[in-house]
Amino acid sequence: MSIGGGVHMAIERGCSIRCTAIQMFVKNNMQWFARPLMPDEIRAFLEHRQRGNLLSIFAHANYLINLAATNPQFHANSIRALSEELTRGDQLELPFLVLHPGAHLGAGEEAGLKKIIASINAVFRKVPKVNIRIALETTAGQGSCLGNKFEHLAYIIGRVREPERLRVCLDTAHVFAAGYDIGSESAVRKMFAQFHRTIGLDRLAAIHVNDSKTARDSRVDRHEHIGKGKIGLDAFRFIMCEQRLNKIPKVLETPKGKELREDVVNLNTLRALIGG
């Protein structure tokens, strides 16, 4: 949900179409830095009369951040930006901030993963007292992006100094484009079993429910409306009905217009799958 007009507007927009969970940015998602949140802005969010209607509100980091960046200034900006966004999210009492792990930009997979680990350690040193966690997002593997294999995320979690501060966000369009088969109920069960063996379902903080414009193993990140893409409805039916996933917040990152009509259609499609 957009935060145009103030962070509290994300709550109003979500409630206007009967969401029970929303994802938001904590600042402009295409700018490195922003002025600090003012006390009245924080209060307007925390004390919003509709906040209790949402069972989960969490944040997504801005898209400029790359913890594996090879350019020193870009990397320094990424460390500072992520630290500041964690602080903002903590001020809003959000449980976690979803983050794309990073892109190695030609340095190689192993070098990129080690750079991400060192970067996360540096960020956690800068913000030692916040309660908010980082939820590393599965990626499509587009370009040199890391995180398209569950093993990448397990490697990072297993080697950072404070692994208890990390969680994972699974994106259906991304895992599909990365090559994981989720085109049938048996296939999506196997994918979640593999996730559990490699990372652990206890680490799963959220699910981005997105169909994919591109084919399986395309390594191309293009989201589509539910049931209109290449994945099919079986994966979404499983996610909506599987008891182990009941309390995991699920959000749409599908194309939308200002009136949010597309979100309403997608929400109705997902809700119709429950018990269907």
Protein backbone atom coordinates (compact mmCIF):
# COMPACT_ATOMS: atom_id res chain seq x y z
CA MET A 1 0.00 0.00 0.00
CA SER A 2 1.18 3.50 -0.88
CA ILE A 3 2.28 5.89 1.90
CA GLY A 4 1.48 8.95 -0.21
CA GLY A 5 0.11 11.60 2.16
CA GLY A 6 1.83 10.05 5.19
CA VAL A 7 2.70 6.61 6.54
CA HIS A 8 -0.74 6.37 8.22
CA MET A 9 -2.40 6.46 4.77
CA ALA A 10 -1.21 2.91 4.12
CA ILE A 11 -3.58 1.78 6.88
CA GLU A 12 -6.50 3.70 5.40
CA ARG A 13 -5.88 2.38 1.89
CA GLY A 14 -5.61 -1.20 3.12
CA CYS A 15 -8.78 -0.98 5.18
CA SER A 16 -10.67 0.66 2.30
CA ILE A 17 -10.57 -2.66 0.40
CA ARG A 18 -10.92 -4.94 3.45
CA CYS A 19 -7.31 -6.10 3.69
CA THR A 20 -6.28 -7.98 6.82
CA ALA A 21 -2.55 -7.62 6.09
CA ILE A 22 -0.56 -4.94 4.27
CA GLN A 23 2.99 -4.25 3.19
CA MET A 24 4.25 -0.67 3.01
CA PHE A 25 7.41 1.34 2.48
CA VAL A 26 8.73 3.49 5.33
CA LYS A 27 9.90 6.24 2.94
CA ASN A 28 10.05 6.94 -0.78
CA ASN A 29 11.11 3.60 -2.25
CA MET A 30 13.28 5.10 -4.99
CA GLN A 31 15.31 7.55 -2.88
CA TRP A 32 18.32 6.74 -0.73
CA PHE A 33 17.46 8.84 2.29
CA ALA A 34 14.63 10.84 3.85
CA ARG A 35 14.16 13.24 6.72
CA PRO A 36 13.43 11.49 10.04
CA LEU A 37 9.84 10.63 10.90
CA MET A 38 8.29 13.34 13.07
CA PRO A 39 6.64 12.40 16.40
CA ASP A 40 3.20 13.40 15.07
CA GLU A 41 3.67 11.14 12.01
CA ILE A 42 4.61 8.20 14.23
CA ARG A 43 1.68 8.91 16.54
CA ALA A 44 -0.77 9.19 13.61
CA PHE A 45 0.30 5.71 12.51
CA LEU A 46 0.44 3.99 15.91
CA GLU A 47 -2.83 5.47 17.14
CA HIS A 48 -4.78 5.20 13.88
CA ARG A 49 -8.34 4.13 14.64
CA GLN A 50 -8.28 1.44 11.91
CA ARG A 51 -4.90 -0.04 12.79
CA GLY A 52 -6.52 -2.80 14.83
CA ASN A 53 -8.40 -4.01 11.74
CA LEU A 54 -5.11 -5.21 10.26
CA LEU A 55 -3.68 -8.43 11.65
CA SER A 56 -0.27 -7.72 10.13
CA ILE A 57 1.55 -4.63 8.88
CA PHE A 58 5.13 -4.96 7.69
CA ALA A 59 7.56 -3.04 5.50
CA HIS A 60 9.60 -3.49 2.33
CA ALA A 61 13.02 -1.89 1.93
CA ASN A 62 13.69 0.53 -0.91
CA TYR A 63 14.86 -0.92 -4.22
CA LEU A 64 18.18 0.93 -4.38
CA ILE A 65 19.76 -1.03 -1.53
CA ASN A 66 22.32 -3.62 -2.63
CA LEU A 67 24.29 -5.23 0.20
CA ALA A 68 26.58 -6.94 -2.33
CA ALA A 69 27.41 -3.70 -4.19
CA THR A 70 30.97 -3.48 -5.52
CA ASN A 71 31.03 0.33 -5.80
CA PRO A 72 32.23 1.66 -2.39
CA GLN A 73 29.90 4.70 -2.31
CA PHE A 74 26.89 2.64 -3.42
CA HIS A 75 27.69 0.07 -0.76
CA ALA A 76 28.08 2.74 1.94
CA ASN A 77 24.73 4.24 0.90
CA SER A 78 23.13 0.80 1.12
CA ILE A 79 24.40 0.24 4.68
CA ARG A 80 23.21 3.66 5.80
CA ALA A 81 19.84 3.43 4.03
CA LEU A 82 19.03 -0.01 5.44
CA SER A 83 20.03 1.09 8.95
CA GLU A 84 17.78 4.15 8.70
CA GLU A 85 14.85 2.16 7.31
CA LEU A 86 15.13 -0.36 10.14
CA THR A 87 15.04 2.54 12.59
CA ARG A 88 11.93 3.99 10.89
CA GLY A 89 10.21 0.61 10.84
CA ASP A 90 11.01 0.10 14.50
CA GLN A 91 9.53 3.51 15.35
CA LEU A 92 6.32 2.35 13.64
CA GLU A 93 6.49 -0.93 15.63
CA LEU A 94 6.63 -3.07 12.50
CA PRO A 95 7.85 -6.66 12.98
CA PHE A 96 10.11 -6.97 9.94
CA LEU A 97 11.44 -5.28 6.81
CA VAL A 98 11.51 -7.33 3.60
CA LEU A 99 14.82 -7.00 1.74
CA HIS A 100 16.17 -8.29 -1.57
CA PRO A 101 19.52 -9.85 -0.53
CA GLY A 102 21.63 -8.16 -3.23
CA ALA A 103 23.29 -8.56 -6.63
CA HIS A 104 26.97 -9.51 -7.01
CA LEU A 105 27.35 -7.48 -10.25
CA GLY A 106 29.93 -9.85 -11.71
CA ALA A 107 31.98 -10.46 -8.56
CA GLY A 108 30.64 -14.02 -8.39
CA GLU A 109 28.11 -15.87 -6.25
CA GLU A 110 30.41 -16.73 -3.34
CA ALA A 111 31.94 -13.24 -3.14
CA GLY A 112 28.47 -11.69 -3.29
CA LEU A 113 27.10 -13.86 -0.49
CA LYS A 114 30.09 -13.09 1.73
CA LYS A 115 29.65 -9.37 1.06
CA ILE A 116 25.96 -9.61 2.05
CA ILE A 117 26.88 -11.37 5.30
CA ALA A 118 29.45 -8.71 6.18
CA SER A 119 26.96 -5.98 5.28
CA ILE A 120 24.20 -7.41 7.46
CA ASN A 121 26.66 -7.64 10.35
CA ALA A 122 27.59 -3.98 9.79
CA VAL A 123 23.95 -2.90 9.72
CA PHE A 124 23.13 -4.79 12.91
CA ARG A 125 26.08 -3.13 14.63
CA LYS A 126 24.69 0.28 13.64
CA VAL A 127 21.18 -0.48 14.99
CA PRO A 128 21.75 -2.86 17.90
CA LYS A 129 18.61 -2.07 19.88
CA VAL A 130 15.78 -2.23 17.34
CA ASN A 131 13.21 -5.02 17.61
CA ILE A 132 12.39 -5.09 13.88
CA ARG A 133 13.96 -7.93 11.88
CA ILE A 134 15.12 -8.29 8.29
CA ALA A 135 13.16 -10.75 6.13
CA LEU A 136 15.35 -11.79 3.20
CA GLU A 137 13.23 -12.22 0.08
CA THR A 138 13.52 -15.07 -2.40
CA THR A 139 14.37 -13.67 -5.83
CA ALA A 140 13.90 -14.65 -9.47
CA GLY A 141 17.67 -14.61 -10.05
CA GLN A 142 17.42 -11.91 -12.68
CA GLY A 143 20.84 -10.66 -13.77
CA SER A 144 23.31 -11.25 -10.93
CA CYS A 145 20.69 -11.15 -8.15
CA LEU A 146 21.32 -13.57 -5.30
CA GLY A 147 18.56 -15.29 -3.33
CA ASN A 148 17.07 -17.35 -6.17
CA LYS A 149 18.17 -20.53 -4.39
CA PHE A 150 17.00 -21.43 -0.89
CA GLU A 151 20.62 -22.42 -0.25
CA HIS A 152 21.70 -18.79 -0.72
CA LEU A 153 19.43 -17.64 2.11
CA ALA A 154 20.41 -20.57 4.33
CA TYR A 155 24.10 -19.72 3.73
CA ILE A 156 23.53 -16.11 4.82
CA ILE A 157 21.44 -17.01 7.87
CA GLY A 158 23.93 -19.64 8.95
CA ARG A 159 26.89 -17.26 8.88
CA VAL A 160 25.72 -13.87 10.16
CA ARG A 161 26.58 -12.96 13.74
CA GLU A 162 22.96 -12.50 14.84
CA PRO A 163 20.87 -15.03 12.89
CA GLU A 164 17.95 -14.56 15.27
CA ARG A 165 17.40 -11.15 13.66
CA LEU A 166 16.77 -12.67 10.21
CA ARG A 167 13.60 -14.09 8.68
CA VAL A 168 12.57 -14.99 5.10
CA CYS A 169 9.83 -13.75 2.76
CA LEU A 170 8.85 -16.18 -0.01
CA ASP A 171 7.64 -14.68 -3.30
CA THR A 172 5.66 -17.11 -5.49
CA ALA A 173 6.46 -15.36 -8.79
CA HIS A 174 10.14 -15.25 -7.87
CA VAL A 175 10.52 -18.91 -6.84
CA PHE A 176 8.66 -19.96 -10.01
CA ALA A 177 10.86 -17.81 -12.27
CA ALA A 178 13.90 -19.10 -10.37
CA GLY A 179 13.02 -22.65 -11.44
CA TYR A 180 11.04 -24.15 -8.56
CA ASP A 181 8.03 -26.15 -9.75
CA ILE A 182 4.82 -24.93 -8.08
CA GLY A 183 2.45 -25.74 -10.93
CA SER A 184 0.46 -28.42 -9.06
CA GLU A 185 -0.50 -29.21 -5.48
CA SER A 186 2.08 -32.00 -5.24
CA ALA A 187 4.76 -29.73 -6.71
CA VAL A 188 4.06 -26.82 -4.36
CA ARG A 189 4.07 -29.25 -1.41
CA LYS A 190 7.51 -30.44 -2.49
CA MET A 191 8.72 -26.85 -2.82
CA PHE A 192 7.63 -26.01 0.74
CA ALA A 193 9.17 -29.27 1.99
CA GLN A 194 12.44 -28.24 0.33
CA PHE A 195 12.15 -24.78 1.89
CA HIS A 196 11.64 -26.38 5.31
CA ARG A 197 14.63 -28.72 4.92
CA THR A 198 16.92 -25.93 3.72
CA ILE A 199 15.78 -22.90 5.74
CA GLY A 200 12.97 -23.96 8.10
CA LEU A 201 9.31 -22.93 8.08
CA ASP A 202 9.90 -21.27 11.44
CA ARG A 203 11.90 -18.62 9.53
CA LEU A 204 9.03 -17.81 7.13
CA ALA A 205 7.73 -14.34 8.00
CA ALA A 206 5.54 -13.55 4.98
CA ILE A 207 4.48 -14.70 1.52
CA HIS A 208 4.19 -12.47 -1.53
CA VAL A 209 1.35 -14.03 -3.53
CA ASN A 210 2.02 -13.08 -7.14
CA ASP A 211 1.39 -14.88 -10.41
CA SER A 212 4.16 -14.72 -13.03
CA LYS A 213 4.09 -13.24 -16.53
CA THR A 214 7.12 -15.33 -17.43
CA ALA A 215 7.66 -19.08 -17.62
CA ARG A 216 9.19 -21.27 -14.97
CA ASP A 217 13.00 -20.97 -14.81
CA SER A 218 12.93 -17.81 -16.96
CA ARG A 219 14.94 -15.91 -14.31
CA VAL A 220 12.81 -12.88 -15.26
CA ASP A 221 10.89 -11.00 -12.53
CA ARG A 222 7.47 -9.98 -13.91
CA HIS A 223 4.39 -10.14 -11.69
CA GLU A 224 0.90 -10.93 -12.96
CA HIS A 225 -2.64 -11.02 -11.53
CA ILE A 226 -3.65 -14.21 -9.71
CA GLY A 227 -4.77 -16.87 -12.19
CA LYS A 228 -3.74 -14.77 -15.19
CA GLY A 229 -0.11 -15.87 -15.37
CA LYS A 230 1.96 -19.00 -15.86
CA ILE A 231 1.71 -20.48 -12.35
CA GLY A 232 -1.93 -21.61 -12.24
CA LEU A 233 -4.28 -21.60 -9.27
CA ASP A 234 -3.13 -24.81 -7.54
CA ALA A 235 -0.19 -23.09 -5.82
CA PHE A 236 -2.38 -20.28 -4.51
CA ARG A 237 -5.09 -22.69 -3.37
CA PHE A 238 -2.48 -24.61 -1.36
CA ILE A 239 -1.06 -21.42 0.18
CA MET A 240 -4.53 -20.17 1.15
CA CYS A 241 -5.69 -23.51 2.61
CA GLU A 242 -2.55 -25.06 4.13
CA GLN A 243 -2.96 -24.98 7.92
CA ARG A 244 0.78 -24.49 8.57
CA LEU A 245 0.60 -21.23 6.63
CA ASN A 246 -2.58 -19.90 8.27
CA LYS A 247 -0.82 -17.32 10.42
CA ILE A 248 1.73 -16.26 7.81
CA PRO A 249 0.72 -12.85 6.35
CA LYS A 250 0.20 -12.93 2.60
CA VAL A 251 0.29 -9.82 0.43
CA LEU A 252 -0.18 -9.00 -3.25
CA GLU A 253 2.46 -7.25 -5.33
CA THR A 254 0.41 -7.44 -8.51
CA PRO A 255 -0.13 -4.52 -10.95
CA LYS A 256 -2.54 -1.93 -9.59
CA GLY A 257 -4.22 1.38 -10.37
CA LYS A 258 -5.09 4.32 -8.12
CA GLU A 259 -8.56 2.98 -7.29
CA LEU A 260 -7.14 -0.41 -6.15
CA ARG A 261 -9.80 -2.27 -8.17
CA GLU A 262 -7.21 -4.79 -9.32
CA ASP A 263 -6.35 -5.60 -5.71
CA VAL A 264 -10.02 -6.23 -4.94
CA VAL A 265 -10.27 -8.69 -7.84
CA ASN A 266 -7.11 -10.52 -6.75
CA LEU A 267 -8.23 -10.64 -3.11
CA ASN A 268 -11.59 -12.08 -4.16
CA THR A 269 -9.84 -14.70 -6.31
CA LEU A 270 -7.62 -15.78 -3.42
CA ARG A 271 -10.45 -15.85 -0.88
CA ALA A 272 -12.61 -17.93 -3.22
CA LEU A 273 -9.91 -20.62 -3.16
CA ILE A 274 -10.38 -21.22 0.57
CA GLY A 275 -12.44 -24.36 0.94
CA GLY A 276 -13.11 -24.32 -2.79
